[in-house]
Amino acid sequence: MHADVENVRVQAAHQNGPPAPMAFVSFVPVAAAAESLPALSRAPASSGRAPLGRSGTDQQFSLPTAAAIAALAAGSAAVSRPNGTRLRIQRAAVGRRGGLLGGLAVAAAAARPKPANAAEKLTKQTAEKVQADIEQIIKADPNKGPTLVRLAWHSCGSYDKVSKTGGSGPGTIRFKEELAHGGNAGLDKAVAWLEPVKQSNPSISYADLYTLAGVASIKALGGPDVPWRAGRVDSVSPSDVTPDGRLPNASNGSAKKDVDHLRDVFYRMGFNDQEIVALSGAHALGRCHADASGFVGPWTPTPTTFNNLYFKLLKNSQWEEGCIKGETCKNPQYRNVDTQQFMMLPTDIALLKDPSFSKYVDLYADDQKVFFKDFSKAFSTLLELGTKDLYTVV
């Protein structure tokens, strides 16, 4: 095992029991997320900047955690949208959509999905308008961004390369049958957030909309550009929903079982060890909630900023089994020893236990540019699982 890995002290064994849904896959953002992290500041939504951990006397971190946070802050203390890369929404258009956003019933969108086959090619103008609409959702509430990434991830993560079933192609995650899967807890909200976007841009399919939402969210939260292509055609029947159980579980009873489970799930989709670790880096975003996954807490102090701090903390902090300070967990998880404010799942710690995984943890902790490049490629591949005849929007 890598020398750095030996600094991670896991002080209690995993508890046996039925696997719990992987929270990568299980966090749901709430407006009060930052309030559960008293040491973190939250920038106004209109500033275009993502929140970073405070420095100074109001919060003290031990050397490993502080070093990791300081190293990241030096390079990404404020993430702004690059000039000229996104379409601005006209004021009148915002007003029309604002009323629709305010009046939409969450349950209605999930319970009565509308069939929407992409009958003709998506135009660049429509794609840019959809992306701008998604950015407005995130600007109004940055905590929605991580869940939109999770929606995109889960719309693809059901793929089986042997049977050629699942994946993002048919857009089945909008059906209540798939939203009822254990790993999809809370995603009915994300489906509802995007329904007004769909209704004001009817030529885009739901399947394209959900995957583009993930791409737009990653960029809006400071992450890399992810190549995206259109052309997914929505299923009109819930019979196309794949069986529950294809998404990763966060806890599987032991470190070896966690490692084996990650490979079973991701190899089934066609990914290798490097891609498994790169995709795990999406845990830079969001937090876990006991009422959704049974796990509690954020992975990093910057849950609405896409960066490599997840890997820095995973590598350089010491971890012990237990819930974060002041919270009660329903499932076994880990917390950082020094402040007890950040969490890791058993499958996160498993990345340190396997040499083939841990070498990429080290690489991405040390080099954010490499992580962004590898994540962008792997996430783009994920978004195209179970698709055919995709095309570049021009």
Protein backbone atom coordinates (compact mmCIF):
# COMPACT_ATOMS: atom_id res chain seq x y z
CA MET A 1 0.00 0.00 0.00
CA HIS A 2 1.21 3.56 -0.70
CA ALA A 3 3.06 5.20 2.18
CA ASP A 4 0.52 8.00 2.35
CA VAL A 5 -2.20 5.47 2.78
CA GLU A 6 -0.66 4.23 5.99
CA ASN A 7 -1.39 7.61 7.55
CA VAL A 8 -5.08 6.90 7.26
CA ARG A 9 -6.07 5.15 10.44
CA VAL A 10 -9.33 3.34 10.20
CA GLN A 11 -10.00 2.60 13.84
CA ALA A 12 -13.03 0.35 13.60
CA ALA A 13 -14.11 -2.46 11.33
CA HIS A 14 -17.07 -2.24 8.99
CA GLN A 15 -20.33 -3.48 10.40
CA ASN A 16 -22.01 -6.36 8.67
CA GLY A 17 -25.49 -5.91 7.33
CA PRO A 18 -27.44 -5.35 4.14
CA PRO A 19 -25.74 -3.03 1.64
CA ALA A 20 -26.83 0.60 1.72
CA PRO A 21 -27.18 2.71 -1.43
CA MET A 22 -23.97 4.48 -2.33
CA ALA A 23 -24.31 8.10 -1.38
CA PHE A 24 -22.53 9.31 -4.49
CA VAL A 25 -25.60 8.37 -5.48
CA SER A 26 -27.60 9.22 -2.41
CA PHE A 27 -27.03 12.81 -1.26
CA VAL A 28 -29.84 15.34 -1.55
CA PRO A 29 -28.96 19.03 -1.22
CA VAL A 30 -30.98 21.29 1.03
CA ALA A 31 -30.89 25.02 1.37
CA ALA A 32 -29.63 24.66 4.94
CA ALA A 33 -26.65 22.51 3.99
CA ALA A 34 -24.14 25.22 4.81
CA GLU A 35 -25.69 25.85 8.20
CA SER A 36 -24.66 22.34 9.25
CA LEU A 37 -21.05 23.41 8.65
CA PRO A 38 -20.60 26.34 11.05
CA ALA A 39 -17.04 26.91 9.92
CA LEU A 40 -17.95 27.55 6.29
CA SER A 41 -18.95 30.78 4.62
CA ARG A 42 -21.57 30.98 1.92
CA ALA A 43 -21.33 33.54 -0.85
CA PRO A 44 -24.44 35.31 -2.11
CA ALA A 45 -26.01 33.56 -5.09
CA SER A 46 -25.63 36.66 -7.23
CA SER A 47 -21.87 36.81 -6.76
CA GLY A 48 -21.17 33.90 -9.10
CA ARG A 49 -18.71 32.55 -6.55
CA ALA A 50 -18.87 29.21 -4.81
CA PRO A 51 -18.47 29.00 -1.02
CA LEU A 52 -15.13 28.04 0.47
CA GLY A 53 -14.14 27.20 4.02
CA ARG A 54 -13.36 30.15 6.28
CA SER A 55 -9.86 30.86 7.40
CA GLY A 56 -8.76 32.76 10.48
CA THR A 57 -9.75 32.33 14.07
CA ASP A 58 -13.37 31.19 13.73
CA GLN A 59 -12.40 27.62 12.84
CA GLN A 60 -9.22 25.65 13.49
CA PHE A 61 -8.26 22.61 11.43
CA SER A 62 -5.41 20.22 12.18
CA LEU A 63 -2.44 20.30 9.82
CA PRO A 64 -3.54 17.60 7.30
CA THR A 65 -7.03 19.00 6.79
CA ALA A 66 -5.91 22.62 6.87
CA ALA A 67 -3.12 21.94 4.40
CA ALA A 68 -5.47 20.29 1.97
CA ILE A 69 -8.02 23.09 2.19
CA ALA A 70 -5.38 25.81 1.92
CA ALA A 71 -3.81 24.18 -1.13
CA LEU A 72 -7.15 24.10 -2.88
CA ALA A 73 -8.12 27.62 -1.86
CA ALA A 74 -4.94 29.01 -3.40
CA GLY A 75 -6.07 27.82 -6.79
CA SER A 76 -9.84 28.07 -6.63
CA ALA A 77 -10.92 30.48 -3.92
CA ALA A 78 -13.47 31.90 -6.28
CA VAL A 79 -14.90 30.04 -9.23
CA SER A 80 -16.41 32.22 -11.91
CA ARG A 81 -18.08 31.32 -15.14
CA PRO A 82 -15.67 31.86 -18.09
CA ASN A 83 -16.51 34.88 -20.18
CA GLY A 84 -18.27 34.22 -23.42
CA THR A 85 -18.92 30.52 -22.83
CA ARG A 86 -22.55 30.58 -21.81
CA LEU A 87 -25.66 32.15 -23.23
CA ARG A 88 -27.38 34.84 -21.18
CA ILE A 89 -31.15 34.57 -20.80
CA GLN A 90 -33.12 37.65 -21.86
CA ARG A 91 -34.96 39.35 -19.00
CA ALA A 92 -38.38 38.75 -20.54
CA ALA A 93 -37.71 35.04 -20.93
CA VAL A 94 -36.68 34.78 -17.29
CA GLY A 95 -39.93 36.38 -16.26
CA ARG A 96 -42.04 33.92 -18.22
CA ARG A 97 -40.19 30.90 -16.89
CA GLY A 98 -40.08 32.29 -13.37
CA GLY A 99 -43.85 31.99 -13.06
CA LEU A 100 -43.76 28.42 -14.27
CA LEU A 101 -40.97 27.49 -11.89
CA GLY A 102 -42.87 28.98 -8.99
CA GLY A 103 -46.12 27.22 -9.78
CA LEU A 104 -44.92 23.70 -10.58
CA ALA A 105 -46.01 20.92 -8.25
CA VAL A 106 -43.14 18.58 -7.43
CA ALA A 107 -45.26 15.46 -7.27
CA ALA A 108 -46.96 16.11 -10.59
CA ALA A 109 -43.73 16.05 -12.58
CA ALA A 110 -42.66 12.70 -11.18
CA ALA A 111 -46.09 11.08 -11.23
CA ARG A 112 -47.15 12.15 -14.72
CA PRO A 113 -44.08 12.18 -16.99
CA LYS A 114 -44.86 13.21 -20.52
CA PRO A 115 -43.61 11.16 -23.47
CA ALA A 116 -41.08 13.18 -25.43
CA ASN A 117 -39.33 11.55 -28.34
CA ALA A 118 -36.66 13.63 -30.04
CA ALA A 119 -38.13 13.71 -33.54
CA GLU A 120 -35.60 16.10 -35.08
CA LYS A 121 -32.07 17.21 -34.39
CA LEU A 122 -31.53 19.59 -31.52
CA THR A 123 -30.34 23.00 -32.65
CA LYS A 124 -27.43 24.83 -31.10
CA GLN A 125 -29.77 27.68 -30.18
CA THR A 126 -32.08 25.36 -28.24
CA ALA A 127 -29.20 23.57 -26.52
CA GLU A 128 -27.73 26.89 -25.37
CA LYS A 129 -31.12 28.06 -24.14
CA VAL A 130 -31.60 24.83 -22.17
CA GLN A 131 -28.14 25.17 -20.67
CA ALA A 132 -28.85 28.78 -19.69
CA ASP A 133 -32.12 27.71 -18.04
CA ILE A 134 -30.25 25.09 -16.01
CA GLU A 135 -27.64 27.64 -14.98
CA GLN A 136 -30.42 29.88 -13.71
CA ILE A 137 -31.69 27.08 -11.47
CA ILE A 138 -28.21 26.67 -10.00
CA LYS A 139 -27.64 30.40 -9.66
CA ALA A 140 -30.87 30.68 -7.65
CA ASP A 141 -29.84 27.76 -5.41
CA PRO A 142 -26.30 26.32 -5.84
CA ASN A 143 -27.26 23.37 -3.63
CA LYS A 144 -29.39 22.04 -6.49
CA GLY A 145 -26.32 21.64 -8.69
CA PRO A 146 -24.98 18.49 -6.99
CA THR A 147 -28.36 16.78 -7.23
CA LEU A 148 -28.58 17.55 -10.95
CA VAL A 149 -25.16 15.91 -11.36
CA ARG A 150 -26.48 12.93 -9.42
CA LEU A 151 -29.58 12.78 -11.64
CA ALA A 152 -27.39 12.65 -14.75
CA TRP A 153 -25.16 10.00 -13.14
CA HIS A 154 -28.07 7.79 -12.16
CA SER A 155 -29.81 8.12 -15.49
CA CYS A 156 -26.75 6.36 -16.95
CA GLY A 157 -25.48 4.13 -14.14
CA SER A 158 -27.97 1.32 -14.76
CA TYR A 159 -26.15 0.23 -17.92
CA ASP A 160 -25.13 -3.40 -18.46
CA LYS A 161 -22.62 -3.90 -21.28
CA VAL A 162 -23.49 -7.60 -21.64
CA SER A 163 -27.27 -7.33 -21.99
CA LYS A 164 -27.03 -3.83 -23.54
CA THR A 165 -29.82 -2.65 -21.24
CA GLY A 166 -30.11 0.48 -19.12
CA GLY A 167 -28.11 3.64 -19.55
CA SER A 168 -29.16 7.16 -20.44
CA GLY A 169 -30.65 6.39 -23.86
CA PRO A 170 -34.37 5.95 -23.02
CA GLY A 171 -34.64 8.57 -20.25
CA THR A 172 -36.50 6.15 -17.97
CA ILE A 173 -35.40 7.79 -14.72
CA ARG A 174 -38.41 10.12 -15.03
CA PHE A 175 -40.76 7.18 -14.44
CA LYS A 176 -41.91 6.64 -10.87
CA GLU A 177 -40.88 2.98 -11.14
CA GLU A 178 -37.22 3.96 -11.49
CA LEU A 179 -37.40 6.87 -9.07
CA ALA A 180 -38.54 4.30 -6.47
CA HIS A 181 -35.19 2.48 -6.67
CA GLY A 182 -33.26 2.71 -3.42
CA GLY A 183 -30.31 4.63 -4.86
CA ASN A 184 -32.60 7.25 -6.42
CA ALA A 185 -34.08 8.64 -3.20
CA GLY A 186 -34.74 12.35 -3.60
CA LEU A 187 -34.27 12.50 -7.36
CA ASP A 188 -37.97 13.13 -7.93
CA LYS A 189 -37.16 16.68 -6.83
CA ALA A 190 -34.51 17.08 -9.52
CA VAL A 191 -36.90 15.72 -12.15
CA ALA A 192 -39.43 18.35 -11.04
CA TRP A 193 -36.88 21.18 -11.16
CA LEU A 194 -36.19 20.38 -14.80
CA GLU A 195 -39.82 20.00 -15.91
CA PRO A 196 -40.29 23.73 -16.59
CA VAL A 197 -37.13 23.66 -18.69
CA LYS A 198 -38.55 20.79 -20.71
CA GLN A 199 -41.88 22.51 -21.22
CA SER A 200 -40.25 25.72 -22.46
CA ASN A 201 -37.87 23.74 -24.69
CA PRO A 202 -40.08 20.89 -25.98
CA SER A 203 -37.72 19.77 -28.75
CA ILE A 204 -35.18 18.34 -26.30
CA SER A 205 -35.83 14.82 -25.02
CA TYR A 206 -35.90 14.11 -21.30
CA ALA A 207 -32.88 11.84 -21.71
CA ASP A 208 -30.88 14.61 -23.36
CA LEU A 209 -32.12 17.13 -20.80
CA TYR A 210 -31.02 15.08 -17.78
CA THR A 211 -27.54 14.41 -19.15
CA LEU A 212 -27.05 18.02 -20.26
CA ALA A 213 -28.11 19.13 -16.77
CA GLY A 214 -25.18 17.17 -15.34
CA VAL A 215 -22.74 18.74 -17.80
CA ALA A 216 -24.05 22.27 -17.19
CA SER A 217 -24.00 21.79 -13.40
CA ILE A 218 -20.41 20.59 -13.29
CA LYS A 219 -19.29 23.60 -15.30
CA ALA A 220 -21.40 26.06 -13.30
CA LEU A 221 -19.89 24.72 -10.06
CA GLY A 222 -16.33 25.27 -11.25
CA GLY A 223 -15.59 21.94 -12.91
CA PRO A 224 -14.28 21.05 -16.36
CA ASP A 225 -16.02 21.15 -19.71
CA VAL A 226 -17.51 17.73 -20.42
CA PRO A 227 -18.11 16.71 -24.06
CA TRP A 228 -21.81 16.14 -24.66
CA ARG A 229 -23.79 14.91 -27.64
CA ALA A 230 -27.54 14.87 -28.31
CA GLY A 231 -29.93 12.40 -29.89
CA ARG A 232 -31.29 10.26 -27.05
CA VAL A 233 -34.87 9.15 -27.73
CA ASP A 234 -37.20 8.82 -24.75
CA SER A 235 -38.96 5.60 -23.92
CA VAL A 236 -42.71 5.93 -23.53
CA SER A 237 -43.11 2.82 -21.36
CA PRO A 238 -42.05 2.11 -17.75
CA SER A 239 -41.46 -1.47 -18.89
CA ASP A 240 -38.05 -0.26 -20.08
CA VAL A 241 -36.98 0.49 -16.50
CA THR A 242 -34.16 -1.85 -15.46
CA PRO A 243 -34.27 -3.83 -12.18
CA ASP A 244 -33.29 -2.12 -8.96
CA GLY A 245 -29.81 -2.89 -7.63
CA ARG A 246 -27.56 -1.80 -10.49
CA LEU A 247 -26.24 1.34 -8.79
CA PRO A 248 -23.25 1.22 -6.38
CA ASN A 249 -23.78 0.49 -2.68
CA ALA A 250 -21.85 2.58 -0.19
CA SER A 251 -21.32 -0.17 2.39
CA ASN A 252 -20.93 -3.88 1.75
CA GLY A 253 -19.72 -5.35 5.04
CA SER A 254 -15.93 -5.22 4.74
CA ALA A 255 -13.15 -3.36 2.96
CA LYS A 256 -12.56 -6.28 0.59
CA LYS A 257 -16.25 -6.54 -0.22
CA ASP A 258 -16.38 -2.79 -0.87
CA VAL A 259 -13.46 -3.05 -3.31
CA ASP A 260 -14.97 -6.06 -5.06
CA HIS A 261 -18.38 -4.39 -5.25
CA LEU A 262 -16.98 -1.26 -6.89
CA ARG A 263 -15.31 -3.36 -9.55
CA ASP A 264 -18.40 -5.50 -10.09
CA VAL A 265 -20.61 -2.46 -10.67
CA PHE A 266 -18.25 -0.35 -12.74
CA TYR A 267 -16.77 -3.19 -14.77
CA ARG A 268 -20.35 -4.14 -15.68
CA MET A 269 -20.66 -0.71 -17.27
CA GLY A 270 -17.30 -1.04 -19.01
CA PHE A 271 -15.07 1.15 -16.80
CA ASN A 272 -11.55 0.40 -15.52
CA ASP A 273 -9.90 1.15 -12.15
CA GLN A 274 -8.64 4.59 -13.17
CA GLU A 275 -12.11 5.61 -14.34
CA ILE A 276 -13.69 4.28 -11.13
CA VAL A 277 -11.49 6.60 -9.06
CA ALA A 278 -11.98 9.56 -11.41
CA LEU A 279 -15.77 9.24 -11.28
CA SER A 280 -15.63 8.93 -7.48
CA GLY A 281 -14.25 12.47 -7.52
CA ALA A 282 -17.80 13.72 -8.02
CA HIS A 283 -18.03 13.31 -4.23
CA ALA A 284 -16.46 16.76 -4.15
CA LEU A 285 -20.06 17.89 -4.58
CA GLY A 286 -23.00 17.61 -2.20
CA ARG A 287 -23.54 15.89 1.10
CA CYS A 288 -25.36 12.88 2.53
CA HIS A 289 -28.62 12.98 4.49
CA ALA A 290 -29.87 10.38 6.92
CA ASP A 291 -33.42 10.49 5.57
CA ALA A 292 -32.22 9.63 2.05
CA SER A 293 -29.22 7.33 2.38
CA GLY A 294 -28.71 6.81 6.10
CA PHE A 295 -25.34 8.56 5.86
CA VAL A 296 -24.77 12.12 7.10
CA GLY A 297 -22.48 14.98 6.19
CA PRO A 298 -20.38 16.55 3.43
CA TRP A 299 -17.21 15.09 2.00
CA THR A 300 -15.53 18.51 1.84
CA PRO A 301 -16.01 22.05 3.15
CA THR A 302 -16.88 23.20 -0.41
CA PRO A 303 -19.93 21.09 -1.34
CA THR A 304 -21.00 23.40 -4.17
CA THR A 305 -17.56 23.69 -5.78
CA PHE A 306 -16.18 21.02 -8.10
CA ASN A 307 -12.50 20.51 -7.28
CA ASN A 308 -10.01 17.85 -6.14
CA LEU A 309 -10.40 18.51 -2.42
CA TYR A 310 -12.20 15.17 -2.01
CA PHE A 311 -8.96 13.42 -2.95
CA LYS A 312 -6.80 15.75 -0.86
CA LEU A 313 -8.81 15.08 2.27
CA LEU A 314 -9.15 11.36 1.55
CA LYS A 315 -5.38 11.04 1.17
CA ASN A 316 -4.07 13.41 3.84
CA SER A 317 -6.60 13.23 6.68
CA GLN A 318 -6.89 10.50 9.28
CA TRP A 319 -10.25 8.71 9.33
CA GLU A 320 -12.12 6.84 12.03
CA GLU A 321 -15.47 5.10 12.01
CA GLY A 322 -18.25 7.31 13.36
CA CYS A 323 -20.77 9.99 12.50
CA ILE A 324 -19.81 13.63 12.09
CA LYS A 325 -20.02 15.80 15.19
CA GLY A 326 -23.55 16.41 16.46
CA GLU A 327 -25.28 14.00 14.05
CA THR A 328 -26.71 10.48 14.23
CA CYS A 329 -26.03 8.08 11.37
CA LYS A 330 -28.11 5.08 10.38
CA ASN A 331 -25.28 3.37 8.50
CA PRO A 332 -21.56 2.89 9.21
CA GLN A 333 -19.42 5.73 7.86
CA TYR A 334 -16.16 7.53 8.58
CA ARG A 335 -15.27 10.98 9.89
CA ASN A 336 -12.04 12.95 9.91
CA VAL A 337 -10.30 12.57 13.26
CA ASP A 338 -9.33 16.20 13.79
CA THR A 339 -12.56 18.19 13.37
CA GLN A 340 -15.14 15.40 12.86
CA GLN A 341 -16.94 17.67 10.37
CA PHE A 342 -16.37 15.71 7.15
CA MET A 343 -17.35 12.20 6.18
CA MET A 344 -16.26 9.38 3.91
CA LEU A 345 -18.26 6.33 2.92
CA PRO A 346 -16.88 2.81 3.32
CA THR A 347 -16.45 2.67 -0.48
CA ASP A 348 -14.46 5.94 -0.32
CA ILE A 349 -12.08 4.45 2.24
CA ALA A 350 -11.89 1.35 0.03
CA LEU A 351 -10.11 3.46 -2.59
CA LEU A 352 -7.21 3.71 -0.13
CA LYS A 353 -7.18 -0.03 0.56
CA ASP A 354 -6.49 -1.25 -2.97
CA PRO A 355 -3.13 -0.36 -4.63
CA SER A 356 -4.69 -0.08 -8.08
CA PHE A 357 -7.17 2.47 -6.73
CA SER A 358 -4.94 4.32 -4.27
CA LYS A 359 -2.34 5.31 -6.87
CA TYR A 360 -5.01 7.35 -8.65
CA VAL A 361 -6.18 8.90 -5.37
CA ASP A 362 -2.59 10.09 -4.91
CA LEU A 363 -2.40 11.35 -8.49
CA TYR A 364 -5.63 13.33 -8.35
CA ALA A 365 -4.89 14.73 -4.88
CA ASP A 366 -1.65 16.15 -6.22
CA ASP A 367 -2.83 17.38 -9.62
CA GLN A 368 -6.28 18.91 -10.16
CA LYS A 369 -5.65 19.44 -13.89
CA VAL A 370 -5.10 15.72 -14.40
CA PHE A 371 -8.19 14.93 -12.35
CA PHE A 372 -10.33 17.34 -14.39
CA LYS A 373 -9.06 15.84 -17.65
CA ASP A 374 -9.68 12.24 -16.58
CA PHE A 375 -13.04 13.02 -14.98
CA SER A 376 -14.27 14.85 -18.07
CA LYS A 377 -13.44 11.89 -20.29
CA ALA A 378 -14.95 9.29 -17.93
CA PHE A 379 -18.11 11.30 -17.25
CA SER A 380 -18.66 11.90 -20.96
CA THR A 381 -18.37 8.14 -21.50
CA LEU A 382 -20.84 7.53 -18.67
CA LEU A 383 -23.38 9.89 -20.25
CA GLU A 384 -23.34 7.92 -23.50
CA LEU A 385 -23.90 4.46 -22.05
CA GLY A 386 -26.93 2.79 -23.62
CA THR A 387 -27.20 5.27 -26.49
CA LYS A 388 -26.92 5.13 -30.27
CA ASP A 389 -26.84 7.58 -33.18
CA LEU A 390 -25.76 10.52 -31.06
CA TYR A 391 -24.58 13.68 -32.80
CA THR A 392 -22.69 16.85 -31.95
CA VAL A 393 -24.91 19.92 -31.73
CA VAL A 394 -23.68 22.54 -34.19
